[in-house]
């Protein structure tokens, strides 16, 4: 199950897992985009099992129904990756205040609701893996967008605790920490340095690392070397 898979890394992951022969359940906010992506995936791989369900993760009351619907249509779930994320501009006080709620709703509350449902399901099976896309922005609070960084730091901490809780039940939990990926989220602020990577490259790396069962990793790997001194730098 891929939550937030009609764009960016989530969309690229859908393509990647389809190439690897997986059955795919997509969750997206806009019905038309969900239908378009599902049709495109089915056309690219005739005979594959792809289902799509609409759900606005900011409306947490709708999440249990969406989760159950994907399970019903797929028949089972071995992997849930929460890919949904919101990044709002933080150039002014007004923008920071206006953007805080949607970032908290999608990046934290929606993630916790989906992952808790996934945890309950996989715990009963005694296998499987949960994962969510965090960010290098969650490694250390910085002035550029402190609310966004805080939501990703909260997600990282939650995944750490979830990993600890589910370990005795044979369920893995992975924290994915991408650097700059050329998605729509980054469209208005693509840096010249450090270098960016494509969603497709990010998806290949993520799928490989999840297949290996890695608990936490940066995408690409060298962001770990960037993050280490960032954590130690004086305030």
Protein backbone atom coordinates (compact mmCIF):
# COMPACT_ATOMS: atom_id res chain seq x y z
CA UNK A 1 0.00 0.00 0.00
CA UNK A 2 1.39 3.36 -1.09
CA UNK A 3 -0.22 6.39 0.56
CA UNK A 4 0.24 9.62 -1.40
CA UNK A 5 1.21 7.87 -4.61
CA UNK A 6 -0.19 10.09 -7.38
CA UNK A 7 2.86 12.36 -7.53
CA UNK A 8 6.55 12.62 -6.73
CA UNK A 9 8.36 9.80 -4.93
CA UNK A 10 5.14 7.90 -4.23
CA UNK A 11 4.25 7.81 -7.93
CA UNK A 12 7.77 6.66 -8.81
CA UNK A 13 7.55 3.95 -6.15
CA UNK A 14 4.34 2.68 -7.73
CA UNK A 15 6.16 2.27 -11.06
CA UNK A 16 9.14 0.63 -9.36
CA UNK A 17 7.13 -1.90 -7.40
CA UNK A 18 5.00 -2.71 -10.42
CA UNK A 19 8.20 -3.53 -12.35
CA UNK A 20 9.17 -5.82 -9.48
CA UNK A 21 5.93 -7.74 -9.79
CA UNK A 22 4.11 -6.43 -6.71
CA UNK A 23 0.38 -5.93 -6.38
CA UNK A 24 -0.14 -2.22 -5.77
CA UNK A 25 -2.73 -0.36 -3.72
CA UNK A 26 -2.63 3.41 -4.20
CA UNK A 27 -4.14 6.06 -1.97
CA UNK A 28 -4.42 9.64 -3.20
CA UNK A 29 -6.27 12.85 -2.37
CA UNK A 30 -7.77 13.68 -5.77
CA UNK A 31 -10.06 11.10 -7.37
CA UNK A 32 -9.19 12.10 -10.95
CA UNK A 33 -5.45 11.81 -10.31
CA UNK A 34 -5.89 8.43 -8.61
CA UNK A 35 -7.87 7.12 -11.58
CA UNK A 36 -5.34 8.49 -14.08
CA UNK A 37 -2.38 6.93 -12.29
CA UNK A 38 -4.12 3.56 -11.91
CA UNK A 39 -5.05 3.52 -15.60
CA UNK A 40 -1.49 4.40 -16.57
CA UNK A 41 0.00 1.66 -14.40
CA UNK A 42 -2.41 -0.95 -15.72
CA UNK A 43 -1.66 0.09 -19.30
CA UNK A 44 2.10 -0.15 -18.73
CA UNK A 45 1.78 -3.62 -17.20
CA UNK A 46 -1.25 -5.50 -18.54
CA UNK A 47 -2.51 -8.14 -16.16
CA UNK A 48 -1.00 -6.49 -13.12
CA UNK A 49 -3.07 -5.95 -9.98
CA UNK A 50 -3.41 -2.22 -9.26
CA UNK A 51 -6.16 -0.64 -7.19
CA UNK A 52 -6.72 2.98 -6.27
CA UNK A 53 -8.63 4.59 -3.43
CA UNK A 54 -9.32 8.27 -2.81
CA UNK A 55 -8.55 9.61 0.66
CA UNK A 56 -7.62 13.04 1.98
CA UNK A 57 -5.20 12.12 4.77
CA UNK A 58 -5.81 15.51 6.42
CA UNK A 59 -9.34 14.28 7.15
CA UNK A 60 -8.36 11.50 9.52
CA UNK A 61 -11.93 10.26 9.95
CA UNK A 62 -11.80 8.98 6.35
CA UNK A 63 -8.57 7.00 6.80
CA UNK A 64 -9.95 3.76 8.32
CA UNK A 65 -12.41 3.33 5.44
CA UNK A 66 -9.69 3.92 2.83
CA UNK A 67 -7.31 1.51 4.56
CA UNK A 68 -9.93 -1.23 4.74
CA UNK A 69 -10.97 -0.70 1.14
CA UNK A 70 -7.42 -1.16 -0.15
CA UNK A 71 -7.02 -4.31 1.96
CA UNK A 72 -10.33 -5.69 0.69
CA UNK A 73 -9.43 -5.10 -2.95
CA UNK A 74 -5.83 -6.34 -2.67
CA UNK A 75 -6.59 -9.27 -0.40
CA UNK A 76 -3.55 -8.72 1.82
CA UNK A 77 -0.77 -6.24 2.63
CA UNK A 78 2.94 -6.89 3.19
CA UNK A 79 4.27 -3.33 2.94
CA UNK A 80 2.83 0.11 3.68
CA UNK A 81 4.79 3.19 2.66
CA UNK A 82 3.45 6.57 3.76
CA UNK A 83 4.59 8.97 1.03
CA UNK A 84 2.16 11.84 1.55
CA UNK A 85 3.73 15.14 2.52
CA UNK A 86 3.08 18.87 2.45
CA UNK A 87 5.66 21.66 2.29
CA UNK A 88 4.29 25.20 2.48
CA UNK A 89 6.16 28.44 2.00
CA UNK A 90 7.51 30.08 5.16
CA UNK A 91 8.77 33.45 3.93
CA UNK A 92 6.43 35.57 6.05
CA UNK A 93 4.66 35.26 9.39
CA UNK A 94 1.33 34.90 7.60
CA UNK A 95 2.62 32.09 5.41
CA UNK A 96 4.14 30.29 8.38
CA UNK A 97 0.89 30.44 10.34
CA UNK A 98 -1.26 29.48 7.36
CA UNK A 99 0.97 26.57 6.42
CA UNK A 100 1.40 25.10 9.90
CA UNK A 101 -1.94 23.28 10.08
CA UNK A 102 -1.80 21.46 6.73
CA UNK A 103 1.80 20.40 7.34
CA UNK A 104 0.94 19.05 10.79
CA UNK A 105 -2.23 17.38 9.48
CA UNK A 106 -0.59 15.56 6.57
CA UNK A 107 3.00 15.05 7.71
CA UNK A 108 2.19 13.94 11.26
CA UNK A 109 -1.47 13.24 12.03
CA UNK A 110 -2.26 11.49 8.74
CA UNK A 111 0.94 9.47 8.96
CA UNK A 112 0.23 8.30 12.51
CA UNK A 113 -3.33 7.26 11.62
CA UNK A 114 -2.31 5.21 8.57
CA UNK A 115 0.73 3.67 10.23
CA UNK A 116 -1.17 2.70 13.37
CA UNK A 117 -3.75 0.87 11.25
CA UNK A 118 -0.93 -0.79 9.33
CA UNK A 119 0.80 -1.73 12.58
CA UNK A 120 -2.33 -3.37 13.96
CA UNK A 121 -2.81 -5.37 10.75
CA UNK A 122 0.80 -6.54 10.36
CA UNK A 123 1.19 -7.29 14.06
CA UNK A 124 -1.67 -9.77 13.75
CA UNK A 125 0.17 -11.45 10.86
CA UNK A 126 3.57 -11.44 12.55
CA UNK A 127 5.37 -10.13 9.45
CA UNK A 128 5.64 -7.23 7.00
CA UNK A 129 7.08 -3.74 6.98
CA UNK A 130 5.91 -0.18 7.54
CA UNK A 131 7.80 2.81 6.18
CA UNK A 132 7.36 6.55 5.84
CA UNK A 133 9.16 9.28 3.95
CA UNK A 134 10.72 11.72 6.37
CA UNK A 135 13.36 14.23 5.32
CA UNK A 136 16.84 15.52 5.99
CA UNK A 137 14.92 18.59 7.18
CA UNK A 138 13.95 16.60 10.27
CA UNK A 139 17.55 16.05 11.35
CA UNK A 140 18.01 19.52 12.82
CA UNK A 141 15.70 22.52 13.17
CA UNK A 142 16.73 25.27 10.78
CA UNK A 143 15.49 28.76 10.02
CA UNK A 144 14.29 28.10 6.47
CA UNK A 145 11.10 26.31 7.43
CA UNK A 146 11.04 25.35 11.12
CA UNK A 147 7.48 23.98 11.06
CA UNK A 148 8.18 21.62 8.16
CA UNK A 149 11.36 20.43 9.86
CA UNK A 150 9.47 19.90 13.11
CA UNK A 151 6.83 17.75 11.40
CA UNK A 152 9.52 15.53 9.90
CA UNK A 153 11.41 15.33 13.20
CA UNK A 154 8.17 14.27 14.89
CA UNK A 155 7.64 11.61 12.21
CA UNK A 156 11.19 10.30 12.71
CA UNK A 157 10.69 10.04 16.48
CA UNK A 158 7.34 8.32 16.05
CA UNK A 159 8.85 5.75 13.68
CA UNK A 160 11.66 5.06 16.16
CA UNK A 161 9.11 4.28 18.85
CA UNK A 162 6.95 2.23 16.48
CA UNK A 163 10.00 0.18 15.45
CA UNK A 164 10.74 -0.58 19.08
CA UNK A 165 7.13 -1.54 19.76
CA UNK A 166 6.72 -3.85 16.76
CA UNK A 167 10.11 -5.57 16.81
CA UNK A 168 8.92 -8.47 19.03
CA UNK A 169 6.15 -9.20 16.52
CA UNK A 170 8.38 -9.57 13.47
CA UNK A 171 7.24 -6.31 11.85
CA UNK A 172 9.91 -3.96 10.49
CA UNK A 173 9.68 -0.17 10.46
CA UNK A 174 11.80 1.99 8.13
CA UNK A 175 12.50 5.71 8.26
CA UNK A 176 13.31 7.14 4.81
CA UNK A 177 15.20 10.44 4.80
CA UNK A 178 15.50 11.90 1.30
CA UNK A 179 17.54 14.93 0.44
CA UNK A 180 16.56 17.13 -2.50
CA UNK A 181 14.42 15.19 -5.00
CA UNK A 182 13.09 16.87 -8.15
CA UNK A 183 9.38 16.65 -7.33
CA UNK A 184 6.55 19.16 -7.56
CA UNK A 185 7.16 19.97 -3.88
CA UNK A 186 10.60 21.31 -4.76
CA UNK A 187 9.61 22.88 -8.06
CA UNK A 188 9.85 26.49 -6.90
CA UNK A 189 13.05 26.10 -4.94
CA UNK A 190 15.47 23.74 -6.69
CA UNK A 191 18.95 24.31 -5.24
CA UNK A 192 22.07 24.44 -7.34
CA UNK A 193 23.92 22.64 -4.55
CA UNK A 194 23.71 20.06 -3.08
CA UNK A 195 22.75 18.13 -6.21
CA UNK A 196 19.22 16.84 -6.67
CA UNK A 197 18.11 13.41 -7.85
CA UNK A 198 15.10 12.23 -9.85
CA UNK A 199 12.07 10.58 -8.20
CA UNK A 200 12.84 7.45 -10.20
CA UNK A 201 16.35 7.17 -8.77
CA UNK A 202 15.00 7.81 -5.29
CA UNK A 203 12.36 5.11 -5.75
CA UNK A 204 14.91 2.50 -6.85
CA UNK A 205 17.06 3.25 -3.81
CA UNK A 206 14.11 3.17 -1.44
CA UNK A 207 12.77 -0.13 -2.80
CA UNK A 208 16.23 -1.72 -2.57
CA UNK A 209 16.78 -0.55 1.01
CA UNK A 210 13.30 -1.65 2.12
CA UNK A 211 13.91 -5.02 0.51
CA UNK A 212 17.09 -5.28 2.60
CA UNK A 213 15.11 -4.47 5.72
CA UNK A 214 17.04 -1.31 6.62
CA UNK A 215 15.59 0.54 9.58
CA UNK A 216 16.65 4.10 8.70
CA UNK A 217 18.50 5.48 5.71
CA UNK A 218 19.22 8.61 3.69
CA UNK A 219 18.47 8.99 -0.02
CA UNK A 220 21.03 9.22 -1.56
CA UNK A 221 23.32 7.66 1.04
CA UNK A 222 25.74 10.59 1.12
CA UNK A 223 23.14 12.79 2.82
CA UNK A 224 24.09 10.89 5.94
CA UNK A 225 27.53 12.47 5.73
CA UNK A 226 25.88 15.89 5.37
CA UNK A 227 23.52 15.29 8.28
CA UNK A 228 26.20 14.20 10.77
CA UNK A 229 27.99 17.56 11.04
CA UNK A 230 24.64 19.34 10.78
CA UNK A 231 23.53 17.64 13.99
CA UNK A 232 26.77 18.64 15.73
CA UNK A 233 27.01 22.22 14.47
CA UNK A 234 26.68 24.87 17.20
CA UNK A 235 23.32 26.67 17.35
